[in-house]
């Protein structure tokens, strides 16, 4: 499994991609899965989703093993649907976030609350209708004024930013989160990347909440 690593002042980032000819990786990580991870894996009905899941768990373990210099089988992870997996035996408290899109998986770690979102660019006929679901009135009006070529970029930037912001919140704060009522303020430090994997273009945003 090829892993790309990026280190910033405020976060560390790992990225990998699900490859068709890497079944040995899947067999290896199966040995390390916790009971809750096995349940989650078996609840996934599609092979593509199962492979993506195994790669994501391999990436999490590889990242933390790099940070703390321990073997891959060290980590104890509790998993359930629609929530971030909980690593129960971190040597020190860290914040982390996971995102995946079209076989690309990203994992970010930071000492401050962090959220990451990754989305593949796709042409959307209903882009304006979808934007109403998560953009503020100001954001939506700005979107409408843009040229057609610029609308997609702005759409994904705002989408990723709000998804990343949501992921940076604790569980109680997530319950009351409403994307249509939130703007990403200047004090919410964020990093925007466009990732070109030759066959697909992705938007990636990392939100770091320092307040």
N, C-alpha and C. Protein backbone atom coordinates (compact mmCIF):
# COMPACT_ATOMS: atom_id res chain seq x y z
N UNK A 1 0.84 -1.19 0.00
CA UNK A 1 0.00 0.00 0.00
C UNK A 1 0.87 1.24 0.00
N UNK A 2 0.73 2.07 -1.00
CA UNK A 2 1.51 3.30 -1.08
C UNK A 2 0.82 4.39 -0.25
N UNK A 3 1.59 5.02 0.61
CA UNK A 3 1.05 6.07 1.48
C UNK A 3 1.84 7.35 1.24
N UNK A 4 1.13 8.43 0.97
CA UNK A 4 1.74 9.75 0.87
C UNK A 4 1.57 10.47 2.20
N UNK A 5 2.63 11.15 2.63
CA UNK A 5 2.63 11.79 3.95
C UNK A 5 2.98 13.27 3.80
N UNK A 6 2.24 14.10 4.53
CA UNK A 6 2.48 15.54 4.55
C UNK A 6 2.47 16.02 6.00
N UNK A 7 3.49 16.79 6.36
CA UNK A 7 3.55 17.32 7.72
C UNK A 7 3.51 18.84 7.67
N UNK A 8 2.57 19.41 8.40
CA UNK A 8 2.40 20.85 8.51
C UNK A 8 2.68 21.24 9.96
N UNK A 9 2.73 22.53 10.21
CA UNK A 9 2.97 23.00 11.58
C UNK A 9 1.88 22.51 12.52
N UNK A 10 0.63 22.49 12.03
CA UNK A 10 -0.52 22.20 12.89
C UNK A 10 -1.15 20.83 12.69
N UNK A 11 -0.75 20.10 11.67
CA UNK A 11 -1.36 18.80 11.44
C UNK A 11 -0.41 17.90 10.64
N UNK A 12 -0.73 16.61 10.68
CA UNK A 12 -0.07 15.62 9.82
C UNK A 12 -1.15 14.94 8.98
N UNK A 13 -0.80 14.62 7.74
CA UNK A 13 -1.78 14.09 6.80
C UNK A 13 -1.22 12.88 6.07
N UNK A 14 -2.03 11.82 6.03
CA UNK A 14 -1.68 10.61 5.30
C UNK A 14 -2.72 10.36 4.22
N UNK A 15 -2.27 9.90 3.06
CA UNK A 15 -3.19 9.61 1.96
C UNK A 15 -2.81 8.31 1.30
N UNK A 16 -3.80 7.51 0.95
CA UNK A 16 -3.57 6.31 0.17
C UNK A 16 -4.71 6.13 -0.82
N UNK A 17 -4.52 5.19 -1.71
CA UNK A 17 -5.54 4.91 -2.73
C UNK A 17 -5.75 3.41 -2.83
N UNK A 18 -7.00 3.01 -2.91
CA UNK A 18 -7.33 1.59 -3.04
C UNK A 18 -6.87 1.11 -4.41
N UNK A 19 -6.04 0.07 -4.41
CA UNK A 19 -5.51 -0.47 -5.65
C UNK A 19 -6.10 -1.86 -5.90
N UNK A 20 -6.34 -2.18 -7.15
CA UNK A 20 -6.98 -3.45 -7.50
C UNK A 20 -6.09 -4.66 -7.26
N UNK A 21 -4.77 -4.47 -7.30
CA UNK A 21 -3.85 -5.60 -7.20
C UNK A 21 -3.13 -5.65 -5.86
N UNK A 22 -3.81 -5.25 -4.78
CA UNK A 22 -3.16 -5.19 -3.48
C UNK A 22 -3.91 -6.03 -2.44
N UNK A 23 -4.30 -7.24 -2.79
CA UNK A 23 -5.07 -8.06 -1.88
C UNK A 23 -4.27 -8.49 -0.65
N UNK A 24 -2.94 -8.47 -0.74
CA UNK A 24 -2.13 -8.82 0.41
C UNK A 24 -2.32 -7.82 1.54
N UNK A 25 -2.53 -6.55 1.20
CA UNK A 25 -2.78 -5.52 2.21
C UNK A 25 -4.07 -5.84 2.95
N UNK A 26 -5.09 -6.23 2.22
CA UNK A 26 -6.37 -6.54 2.83
C UNK A 26 -6.26 -7.74 3.76
N UNK A 27 -5.52 -8.76 3.33
CA UNK A 27 -5.34 -9.94 4.16
C UNK A 27 -4.59 -9.61 5.44
N UNK A 28 -3.61 -8.72 5.34
CA UNK A 28 -2.82 -8.34 6.50
C UNK A 28 -3.65 -7.57 7.52
N UNK A 29 -4.40 -6.57 7.06
CA UNK A 29 -5.14 -5.74 8.00
C UNK A 29 -6.29 -6.52 8.64
N UNK A 30 -6.79 -7.55 7.96
CA UNK A 30 -7.83 -8.39 8.55
C UNK A 30 -7.37 -9.00 9.88
N UNK A 31 -6.09 -9.27 9.98
CA UNK A 31 -5.55 -9.87 11.20
C UNK A 31 -5.63 -8.92 12.40
N UNK A 32 -5.67 -7.63 12.12
CA UNK A 32 -5.61 -6.63 13.18
C UNK A 32 -6.97 -6.09 13.59
N UNK A 33 -8.01 -6.40 12.85
CA UNK A 33 -9.31 -5.80 13.13
C UNK A 33 -9.87 -6.22 14.49
N UNK A 34 -10.51 -5.29 15.15
CA UNK A 34 -11.19 -5.57 16.41
C UNK A 34 -12.56 -6.20 16.12
N UNK A 35 -13.22 -6.77 17.13
CA UNK A 35 -14.56 -7.35 16.90
C UNK A 35 -15.56 -6.36 16.30
N UNK A 36 -15.54 -5.11 16.77
CA UNK A 36 -16.48 -4.12 16.24
C UNK A 36 -16.15 -3.76 14.79
N UNK A 37 -14.87 -3.80 14.43
CA UNK A 37 -14.50 -3.54 13.05
C UNK A 37 -14.94 -4.68 12.14
N UNK A 38 -14.84 -5.91 12.63
CA UNK A 38 -15.32 -7.05 11.84
C UNK A 38 -16.83 -6.93 11.59
N UNK A 39 -17.57 -6.51 12.60
CA UNK A 39 -19.01 -6.34 12.45
C UNK A 39 -19.31 -5.27 11.40
N UNK A 40 -18.61 -4.16 11.51
CA UNK A 40 -18.80 -3.07 10.55
C UNK A 40 -18.47 -3.53 9.13
N UNK A 41 -17.37 -4.26 8.98
CA UNK A 41 -16.95 -4.76 7.67
C UNK A 41 -18.01 -5.69 7.08
N UNK A 42 -18.52 -6.60 7.89
CA UNK A 42 -19.49 -7.58 7.40
C UNK A 42 -20.85 -6.96 7.09
N UNK A 43 -21.10 -5.79 7.65
CA UNK A 43 -22.35 -5.08 7.37
C UNK A 43 -22.31 -4.32 6.05
N UNK A 44 -21.12 -4.23 5.45
CA UNK A 44 -20.98 -3.56 4.16
C UNK A 44 -21.27 -4.58 3.06
N UNK A 45 -22.23 -4.28 2.22
CA UNK A 45 -22.70 -5.27 1.24
C UNK A 45 -21.90 -5.29 -0.05
N UNK A 46 -21.25 -4.17 -0.39
CA UNK A 46 -20.54 -4.10 -1.66
C UNK A 46 -19.03 -4.34 -1.46
N UNK A 47 -18.45 -5.09 -2.36
CA UNK A 47 -17.02 -5.39 -2.29
C UNK A 47 -16.17 -4.14 -2.31
N UNK A 48 -16.55 -3.15 -3.14
CA UNK A 48 -15.80 -1.90 -3.21
C UNK A 48 -15.77 -1.21 -1.86
N UNK A 49 -16.91 -1.16 -1.17
CA UNK A 49 -16.98 -0.52 0.14
C UNK A 49 -16.15 -1.29 1.16
N UNK A 50 -16.16 -2.62 1.07
CA UNK A 50 -15.38 -3.43 1.99
C UNK A 50 -13.88 -3.18 1.82
N UNK A 51 -13.44 -3.10 0.56
CA UNK A 51 -12.02 -2.87 0.30
C UNK A 51 -11.61 -1.48 0.77
N UNK A 52 -12.47 -0.50 0.52
CA UNK A 52 -12.19 0.86 0.97
C UNK A 52 -12.11 0.90 2.49
N UNK A 53 -12.98 0.17 3.15
CA UNK A 53 -12.96 0.12 4.61
C UNK A 53 -11.65 -0.47 5.12
N UNK A 54 -11.22 -1.58 4.54
CA UNK A 54 -9.97 -2.22 4.98
C UNK A 54 -8.78 -1.29 4.76
N UNK A 55 -8.74 -0.61 3.63
CA UNK A 55 -7.65 0.33 3.38
C UNK A 55 -7.67 1.47 4.40
N UNK A 56 -8.85 1.94 4.75
CA UNK A 56 -8.93 3.04 5.72
C UNK A 56 -8.42 2.60 7.08
N UNK A 57 -8.73 1.36 7.48
CA UNK A 57 -8.24 0.87 8.77
C UNK A 57 -6.74 0.61 8.74
N UNK A 58 -6.24 0.19 7.60
CA UNK A 58 -4.78 0.05 7.46
C UNK A 58 -4.11 1.42 7.53
N UNK A 59 -4.73 2.44 6.94
CA UNK A 59 -4.14 3.78 6.95
C UNK A 59 -4.12 4.36 8.36
N UNK A 60 -5.21 4.19 9.10
CA UNK A 60 -5.25 4.68 10.48
C UNK A 60 -4.14 4.05 11.31
N UNK A 61 -4.01 2.75 11.22
CA UNK A 61 -2.98 2.05 12.00
C UNK A 61 -1.57 2.44 11.55
N UNK A 62 -1.37 2.59 10.26
CA UNK A 62 -0.05 2.98 9.75
C UNK A 62 0.32 4.38 10.22
N UNK A 63 -0.65 5.29 10.22
CA UNK A 63 -0.40 6.67 10.64
C UNK A 63 0.00 6.73 12.11
N UNK A 64 -0.81 6.12 12.97
CA UNK A 64 -0.51 6.19 14.39
C UNK A 64 0.76 5.39 14.74
N UNK A 65 1.04 4.33 14.02
CA UNK A 65 2.29 3.59 14.25
C UNK A 65 3.49 4.45 13.87
N UNK A 66 3.34 5.27 12.84
CA UNK A 66 4.42 6.19 12.47
C UNK A 66 4.62 7.26 13.53
N UNK A 67 3.51 7.79 14.06
CA UNK A 67 3.59 8.84 15.07
C UNK A 67 4.23 8.33 16.36
N UNK A 68 3.84 7.14 16.80
CA UNK A 68 4.24 6.65 18.12
C UNK A 68 5.29 5.52 18.07
N UNK A 69 5.69 5.12 16.87
CA UNK A 69 6.72 4.11 16.70
C UNK A 69 6.35 2.81 17.42
N UNK A 70 5.18 2.29 17.09
CA UNK A 70 4.73 1.01 17.64
C UNK A 70 4.25 0.15 16.47
N UNK A 71 4.13 -1.17 16.65
CA UNK A 71 3.70 -2.05 15.55
C UNK A 71 2.23 -1.85 15.21
N UNK A 72 1.84 -2.30 14.02
CA UNK A 72 0.48 -2.12 13.54
C UNK A 72 -0.54 -2.84 14.40
N UNK A 73 -0.15 -3.96 15.01
CA UNK A 73 -1.12 -4.71 15.81
C UNK A 73 -1.30 -4.16 17.22
N UNK A 74 -0.67 -3.02 17.51
CA UNK A 74 -0.79 -2.41 18.84
C UNK A 74 -2.17 -1.81 19.07
N UNK A 75 -2.81 -1.32 18.03
CA UNK A 75 -3.95 -0.42 18.18
C UNK A 75 -5.26 -1.14 18.49
N UNK A 76 -5.99 -0.56 19.44
CA UNK A 76 -7.31 -1.04 19.82
C UNK A 76 -8.35 -0.03 19.32
N UNK A 77 -9.21 -0.47 18.41
CA UNK A 77 -10.15 0.44 17.77
C UNK A 77 -11.58 -0.06 17.95
N UNK A 78 -12.46 0.84 18.39
CA UNK A 78 -13.88 0.54 18.51
C UNK A 78 -14.61 1.28 17.41
N UNK A 79 -15.41 0.57 16.65
CA UNK A 79 -16.03 1.15 15.46
C UNK A 79 -17.53 0.94 15.47
N UNK A 80 -18.25 1.89 14.90
CA UNK A 80 -19.69 1.76 14.67
C UNK A 80 -20.05 2.60 13.46
N UNK A 81 -21.22 2.36 12.91
CA UNK A 81 -21.61 3.03 11.67
C UNK A 81 -21.80 4.53 11.87
N UNK A 82 -21.39 5.29 10.86
CA UNK A 82 -21.64 6.73 10.78
C UNK A 82 -20.95 7.56 11.86
N UNK A 83 -19.92 7.01 12.48
CA UNK A 83 -19.14 7.77 13.45
C UNK A 83 -17.66 7.50 13.22
N UNK A 84 -16.84 8.41 13.71
CA UNK A 84 -15.40 8.23 13.60
C UNK A 84 -14.96 7.08 14.52
N UNK A 85 -14.13 6.16 14.05
CA UNK A 85 -13.67 5.08 14.92
C UNK A 85 -12.89 5.64 16.11
N UNK A 86 -13.06 5.00 17.25
CA UNK A 86 -12.40 5.45 18.47
C UNK A 86 -11.18 4.58 18.74
N UNK A 87 -10.02 5.24 18.78
CA UNK A 87 -8.78 4.53 19.13
C UNK A 87 -8.64 4.63 20.64
N UNK A 88 -8.79 3.50 21.32
CA UNK A 88 -8.93 3.53 22.78
C UNK A 88 -7.60 3.55 23.53
N UNK A 89 -6.49 3.29 22.84
CA UNK A 89 -5.21 3.20 23.54
C UNK A 89 -4.15 4.16 23.00
N UNK A 90 -4.57 5.36 22.60
CA UNK A 90 -3.59 6.36 22.19
C UNK A 90 -2.70 6.72 23.38
N UNK A 91 -1.38 6.74 23.21
CA UNK A 91 -0.49 7.09 24.32
C UNK A 91 -0.70 8.51 24.84
N UNK A 92 -1.06 9.43 23.96
CA UNK A 92 -1.41 10.80 24.36
C UNK A 92 -2.66 11.19 23.59
N UNK A 93 -3.37 12.18 24.11
CA UNK A 93 -4.60 12.61 23.47
C UNK A 93 -4.30 13.35 22.16
N UNK A 94 -4.94 12.92 21.08
CA UNK A 94 -4.80 13.57 19.79
C UNK A 94 -6.17 13.66 19.12
N UNK A 95 -6.33 14.63 18.24
CA UNK A 95 -7.53 14.75 17.44
C UNK A 95 -7.24 14.19 16.05
N UNK A 96 -8.23 13.55 15.46
CA UNK A 96 -8.01 12.96 14.14
C UNK A 96 -9.31 12.94 13.35
N UNK A 97 -9.17 12.82 12.03
CA UNK A 97 -10.33 12.86 11.15
C UNK A 97 -10.03 12.04 9.90
N UNK A 98 -11.08 11.43 9.35
CA UNK A 98 -10.95 10.52 8.22
C UNK A 98 -11.92 10.93 7.12
N UNK A 99 -11.47 10.81 5.86
CA UNK A 99 -12.37 11.08 4.73
C UNK A 99 -11.96 10.21 3.55
N UNK A 100 -12.94 9.86 2.71
CA UNK A 100 -12.62 9.09 1.51
C UNK A 100 -13.60 9.45 0.40
N UNK A 101 -13.12 9.31 -0.82
CA UNK A 101 -13.94 9.59 -1.99
C UNK A 101 -13.34 8.86 -3.19
N UNK A 102 -14.14 8.04 -3.83
CA UNK A 102 -13.73 7.36 -5.06
C UNK A 102 -12.35 6.71 -4.93
N UNK A 103 -12.19 5.87 -3.92
CA UNK A 103 -10.98 5.08 -3.70
C UNK A 103 -9.78 5.85 -3.14
N UNK A 104 -9.92 7.14 -2.90
CA UNK A 104 -8.86 7.92 -2.27
C UNK A 104 -9.24 8.13 -0.80
N UNK A 105 -8.29 7.86 0.10
CA UNK A 105 -8.55 7.93 1.54
C UNK A 105 -7.54 8.87 2.19
N UNK A 106 -8.02 9.78 3.03
CA UNK A 106 -7.17 10.73 3.75
C UNK A 106 -7.41 10.60 5.25
N UNK A 107 -6.33 10.76 6.02
CA UNK A 107 -6.41 10.70 7.48
C UNK A 107 -5.54 11.82 8.04
N UNK A 108 -6.15 12.68 8.87
CA UNK A 108 -5.43 13.84 9.44
C UNK A 108 -5.37 13.72 10.95
N UNK A 109 -4.24 14.14 11.52
CA UNK A 109 -4.02 14.11 12.97
C UNK A 109 -3.52 15.48 13.41
N UNK A 110 -4.02 15.95 14.56
CA UNK A 110 -3.61 17.27 15.05
C UNK A 110 -3.77 17.32 16.57
N UNK A 111 -3.08 18.29 17.19
CA UNK A 111 -3.24 18.53 18.62
C UNK A 111 -4.44 19.42 18.90
N UNK A 112 -5.05 20.00 17.87
CA UNK A 112 -6.26 20.81 18.03
C UNK A 112 -7.40 20.10 17.29
N UNK A 113 -8.66 20.43 17.59
CA UNK A 113 -9.77 19.80 16.87
C UNK A 113 -9.61 19.94 15.36
N UNK A 114 -9.73 18.84 14.65
CA UNK A 114 -9.46 18.82 13.22
C UNK A 114 -10.58 18.09 12.48
N UNK A 115 -10.88 18.55 11.30
CA UNK A 115 -11.83 17.88 10.43
C UNK A 115 -11.30 17.91 9.01
N UNK A 116 -11.46 16.82 8.28
CA UNK A 116 -11.02 16.78 6.89
C UNK A 116 -12.16 16.26 6.03
N UNK A 117 -12.30 16.84 4.85
CA UNK A 117 -13.27 16.32 3.89
C UNK A 117 -12.65 16.31 2.50
N UNK A 118 -12.93 15.24 1.79
CA UNK A 118 -12.40 15.02 0.45
C UNK A 118 -13.57 14.68 -0.46
N UNK A 119 -13.68 15.38 -1.58
CA UNK A 119 -14.78 15.12 -2.51
C UNK A 119 -14.26 15.15 -3.94
N UNK A 120 -14.67 14.16 -4.71
CA UNK A 120 -14.32 14.15 -6.12
C UNK A 120 -15.20 15.13 -6.89
N UNK A 121 -14.58 15.90 -7.77
CA UNK A 121 -15.35 16.80 -8.63
C UNK A 121 -16.23 15.97 -9.58
N UNK A 122 -17.51 16.28 -9.60
CA UNK A 122 -18.45 15.65 -10.52
C UNK A 122 -19.38 16.71 -11.09
N UNK A 123 -19.68 16.60 -12.37
CA UNK A 123 -20.65 17.51 -12.97
C UNK A 123 -22.02 17.21 -12.39
N UNK A 124 -22.71 18.24 -11.93
CA UNK A 124 -24.01 18.05 -11.31
C UNK A 124 -25.04 18.97 -11.97
N UNK A 125 -26.06 18.36 -12.57
CA UNK A 125 -27.11 19.15 -13.20
C UNK A 125 -27.94 19.91 -12.18
N UNK A 126 -28.04 19.35 -10.97
CA UNK A 126 -28.84 19.97 -9.91
C UNK A 126 -27.98 20.71 -8.90
N UNK A 127 -26.85 21.24 -9.34
CA UNK A 127 -25.90 21.88 -8.44
C UNK A 127 -26.54 22.99 -7.62
N UNK A 128 -27.32 23.86 -8.25
CA UNK A 128 -27.94 24.98 -7.53
C UNK A 128 -28.96 24.48 -6.50
N UNK A 129 -29.71 23.45 -6.86
CA UNK A 129 -30.68 22.90 -5.92
C UNK A 129 -29.98 22.28 -4.72
N UNK A 130 -28.90 21.57 -4.96
CA UNK A 130 -28.15 20.96 -3.87
C UNK A 130 -27.52 22.02 -2.97
N UNK A 131 -27.04 23.10 -3.58
CA UNK A 131 -26.38 24.16 -2.82
C UNK A 131 -27.31 24.77 -1.78
N UNK A 132 -28.60 24.82 -2.08
CA UNK A 132 -29.56 25.40 -1.14
C UNK A 132 -29.63 24.62 0.17
N UNK A 133 -29.21 23.35 0.12
CA UNK A 133 -29.30 22.50 1.30
C UNK A 133 -28.24 22.81 2.35
N UNK A 134 -27.13 23.46 1.93
CA UNK A 134 -26.04 23.67 2.90
C UNK A 134 -25.40 25.06 2.84
N UNK A 135 -25.76 25.89 1.88
CA UNK A 135 -25.16 27.22 1.79
C UNK A 135 -26.01 28.27 2.49
N UNK A 136 -25.35 29.26 3.07
CA UNK A 136 -26.07 30.41 3.60
C UNK A 136 -26.61 31.23 2.43
N UNK A 137 -27.48 32.18 2.73
CA UNK A 137 -28.02 33.03 1.66
C UNK A 137 -26.92 33.78 0.93
N UNK A 138 -25.94 34.27 1.70
CA UNK A 138 -24.83 35.02 1.10
C UNK A 138 -24.01 34.13 0.18
N UNK A 139 -23.72 32.92 0.64
CA UNK A 139 -22.95 31.97 -0.18
C UNK A 139 -23.71 31.59 -1.44
N UNK A 140 -25.01 31.38 -1.30
CA UNK A 140 -25.81 30.98 -2.45
C UNK A 140 -25.90 32.09 -3.49
N UNK A 141 -26.06 33.31 -3.05
CA UNK A 141 -26.10 34.45 -3.98
C UNK A 141 -24.77 34.59 -4.71
N UNK A 142 -23.68 34.38 -3.98
CA UNK A 142 -22.36 34.45 -4.61
C UNK A 142 -22.22 33.35 -5.67
N UNK A 143 -22.69 32.16 -5.34
CA UNK A 143 -22.64 31.05 -6.29
C UNK A 143 -23.39 31.39 -7.58
N UNK A 144 -24.55 31.97 -7.44
CA UNK A 144 -25.37 32.31 -8.60
C UNK A 144 -24.69 33.31 -9.52
N UNK A 145 -23.87 34.18 -8.95
CA UNK A 145 -23.23 35.24 -9.74
C UNK A 145 -21.99 34.74 -10.49
N UNK A 146 -21.50 33.57 -10.13
CA UNK A 146 -20.26 33.07 -10.74
C UNK A 146 -20.51 32.57 -12.16
N UNK A 147 -19.43 32.54 -12.93
CA UNK A 147 -19.48 31.94 -14.25
C UNK A 147 -19.62 30.43 -14.10
N UNK A 148 -20.13 29.77 -15.12
CA UNK A 148 -20.40 28.34 -15.03
C UNK A 148 -19.16 27.55 -14.66
N UNK A 149 -18.00 27.92 -15.19
CA UNK A 149 -16.77 27.19 -14.92
C UNK A 149 -16.34 27.34 -13.46
N UNK A 150 -16.77 28.44 -12.81
CA UNK A 150 -16.35 28.70 -11.43
C UNK A 150 -17.32 28.13 -10.41
N UNK A 151 -18.53 27.85 -10.83
CA UNK A 151 -19.55 27.40 -9.89
C UNK A 151 -19.18 26.07 -9.24
N UNK A 152 -18.68 25.14 -10.03
CA UNK A 152 -18.33 23.82 -9.48
C UNK A 152 -17.25 23.92 -8.41
N UNK A 153 -16.23 24.70 -8.68
CA UNK A 153 -15.14 24.86 -7.72
C UNK A 153 -15.64 25.46 -6.41
N UNK A 154 -16.46 26.50 -6.50
CA UNK A 154 -16.99 27.15 -5.30
C UNK A 154 -17.93 26.20 -4.55
N UNK A 155 -18.76 25.48 -5.28
CA UNK A 155 -19.69 24.52 -4.68
C UNK A 155 -18.94 23.51 -3.82
N UNK A 156 -17.89 22.91 -4.38
CA UNK A 156 -17.16 21.89 -3.64
C UNK A 156 -16.33 22.48 -2.50
N UNK A 157 -15.85 23.69 -2.69
CA UNK A 157 -15.08 24.33 -1.61
C UNK A 157 -15.95 24.55 -0.38
N UNK A 158 -17.16 25.07 -0.58
CA UNK A 158 -18.05 25.31 0.55
C UNK A 158 -18.54 23.99 1.14
N UNK A 159 -18.88 23.04 0.28
CA UNK A 159 -19.32 21.73 0.74
C UNK A 159 -18.25 21.08 1.62
N UNK A 160 -17.02 21.02 1.11
CA UNK A 160 -15.94 20.39 1.87
C UNK A 160 -15.67 21.12 3.18
N UNK A 161 -15.70 22.44 3.13
CA UNK A 161 -15.41 23.23 4.34
C UNK A 161 -16.43 22.94 5.44
N UNK A 162 -17.69 22.83 5.07
CA UNK A 162 -18.71 22.60 6.09
C UNK A 162 -18.69 21.16 6.60
N UNK A 163 -18.40 20.23 5.71
CA UNK A 163 -18.25 18.84 6.15
C UNK A 163 -17.06 18.72 7.10
N UNK A 164 -15.95 19.36 6.75
CA UNK A 164 -14.76 19.31 7.60
C UNK A 164 -15.02 19.99 8.94
N UNK A 165 -15.74 21.12 8.91
CA UNK A 165 -16.07 21.82 10.16
C UNK A 165 -16.92 20.92 11.06
N UNK A 166 -17.92 20.26 10.46
CA UNK A 166 -18.77 19.34 11.22
C UNK A 166 -17.94 18.24 11.88
N UNK A 167 -16.99 17.69 11.14
CA UNK A 167 -16.16 16.61 11.67
C UNK A 167 -15.25 17.07 12.79
N UNK A 168 -14.94 18.37 12.82
CA UNK A 168 -14.05 18.89 13.87
C UNK A 168 -14.78 19.10 15.20
N UNK A 169 -16.11 19.00 15.19
CA UNK A 169 -16.91 19.23 16.40
C UNK A 169 -17.00 17.96 17.24
N UNK A 170 -17.25 18.13 18.53
CA UNK A 170 -17.49 16.97 19.37
C UNK A 170 -18.91 16.46 19.13
N UNK A 171 -19.22 15.30 19.67
CA UNK A 171 -20.50 14.64 19.38
C UNK A 171 -21.70 15.48 19.76
N UNK A 172 -21.65 16.15 20.91
CA UNK A 172 -22.78 16.98 21.34
C UNK A 172 -22.99 18.17 20.41
N UNK A 173 -21.90 18.80 19.99
CA UNK A 173 -22.00 19.95 19.09
C UNK A 173 -22.50 19.54 17.71
N UNK A 174 -22.15 18.33 17.28
CA UNK A 174 -22.61 17.86 15.98
C UNK A 174 -24.14 17.73 15.93
N UNK A 175 -24.76 17.41 17.07
CA UNK A 175 -26.21 17.22 17.11
C UNK A 175 -26.96 18.50 16.75
N UNK A 176 -26.40 19.65 17.10
CA UNK A 176 -27.08 20.93 16.84
C UNK A 176 -26.52 21.66 15.62
N UNK A 177 -25.61 21.02 14.91
CA UNK A 177 -24.97 21.67 13.75
C UNK A 177 -25.95 21.80 12.59
N UNK A 178 -25.99 22.99 11.99
CA UNK A 178 -26.81 23.23 10.80
C UNK A 178 -25.95 23.93 9.77
N UNK A 179 -25.60 23.26 8.66
CA UNK A 179 -24.68 23.86 7.68
C UNK A 179 -25.22 25.12 7.04
N UNK A 180 -26.54 25.24 6.95
CA UNK A 180 -27.11 26.39 6.28
C UNK A 180 -27.00 27.66 7.13
N UNK A 181 -26.72 27.48 8.42
CA UNK A 181 -26.60 28.63 9.32
C UNK A 181 -25.16 28.95 9.70
N UNK A 182 -24.21 28.29 9.09
CA UNK A 182 -22.81 28.46 9.49
C UNK A 182 -21.97 28.92 8.33
N UNK A 183 -21.14 29.90 8.58
CA UNK A 183 -20.11 30.30 7.62
C UNK A 183 -18.76 29.98 8.22
N UNK A 184 -17.80 29.66 7.39
CA UNK A 184 -16.46 29.37 7.89
C UNK A 184 -15.76 30.70 8.14
N UNK A 185 -15.62 31.04 9.40
CA UNK A 185 -15.06 32.34 9.76
C UNK A 185 -13.54 32.34 9.57
N UNK A 186 -12.98 33.55 9.57
CA UNK A 186 -11.54 33.69 9.36
C UNK A 186 -10.72 33.03 10.46
N UNK A 187 -11.30 32.93 11.66
CA UNK A 187 -10.53 32.34 12.75
C UNK A 187 -10.57 30.82 12.74
N UNK A 188 -11.31 30.23 11.79
CA UNK A 188 -11.27 28.79 11.62
C UNK A 188 -10.21 28.48 10.56
N UNK A 189 -9.03 28.18 11.01
CA UNK A 189 -7.91 27.97 10.10
C UNK A 189 -8.20 26.80 9.16
N UNK A 190 -8.05 27.01 7.85
CA UNK A 190 -8.32 25.92 6.93
C UNK A 190 -7.29 25.88 5.81
N UNK A 191 -7.12 24.69 5.27
CA UNK A 191 -6.20 24.44 4.18
C UNK A 191 -7.00 23.84 3.03
N UNK A 192 -6.86 24.43 1.85
CA UNK A 192 -7.57 23.96 0.67
C UNK A 192 -6.57 23.42 -0.34
N UNK A 193 -6.85 22.22 -0.84
CA UNK A 193 -6.01 21.61 -1.88
C UNK A 193 -6.90 21.13 -3.02
N UNK A 194 -6.37 21.17 -4.22
CA UNK A 194 -6.96 20.47 -5.35
C UNK A 194 -6.02 19.32 -5.67
N UNK A 195 -6.53 18.10 -5.67
CA UNK A 195 -5.72 16.91 -5.86
C UNK A 195 -6.04 16.31 -7.22
N UNK A 196 -5.03 16.17 -8.05
CA UNK A 196 -5.22 15.61 -9.38
C UNK A 196 -4.62 14.20 -9.41
N UNK A 197 -5.48 13.20 -9.54
CA UNK A 197 -5.01 11.81 -9.63
C UNK A 197 -5.06 11.31 -11.06
N UNK A 198 -4.93 12.19 -12.00
CA UNK A 198 -4.90 11.92 -13.44
C UNK A 198 -6.25 11.48 -13.99
N UNK A 199 -6.91 10.58 -13.28
CA UNK A 199 -8.22 10.14 -13.75
C UNK A 199 -9.37 10.82 -13.03
N UNK A 200 -9.07 11.64 -12.02
CA UNK A 200 -10.11 12.32 -11.26
C UNK A 200 -9.52 13.51 -10.52
N UNK A 201 -10.33 14.55 -10.35
CA UNK A 201 -9.92 15.75 -9.62
C UNK A 201 -10.71 15.82 -8.32
N UNK A 202 -10.01 16.13 -7.22
CA UNK A 202 -10.64 16.16 -5.91
C UNK A 202 -10.42 17.52 -5.25
N UNK A 203 -11.38 17.90 -4.42
CA UNK A 203 -11.20 19.03 -3.52
C UNK A 203 -10.98 18.47 -2.12
N UNK A 204 -10.03 19.06 -1.39
CA UNK A 204 -9.78 18.62 -0.01
C UNK A 204 -9.63 19.86 0.88
N UNK A 205 -10.36 19.85 1.98
CA UNK A 205 -10.23 20.94 2.95
C UNK A 205 -10.00 20.36 4.33
N UNK A 206 -9.06 20.94 5.05
CA UNK A 206 -8.79 20.59 6.44
C UNK A 206 -9.12 21.80 7.30
N UNK A 207 -9.97 21.59 8.28
CA UNK A 207 -10.35 22.65 9.23
C UNK A 207 -9.66 22.39 10.56
N UNK A 208 -9.01 23.41 11.10
CA UNK A 208 -8.39 23.34 12.41
C UNK A 208 -9.01 24.41 13.30
N UNK A 209 -9.66 23.98 14.37
CA UNK A 209 -10.32 24.95 15.26
C UNK A 209 -9.40 25.22 16.44
N UNK A 210 -8.92 26.44 16.51
CA UNK A 210 -7.96 26.79 17.56
C UNK A 210 -8.61 27.58 18.69
N UNK A 211 -9.89 27.88 18.57
CA UNK A 211 -10.58 28.66 19.61
C UNK A 211 -11.46 27.75 20.47
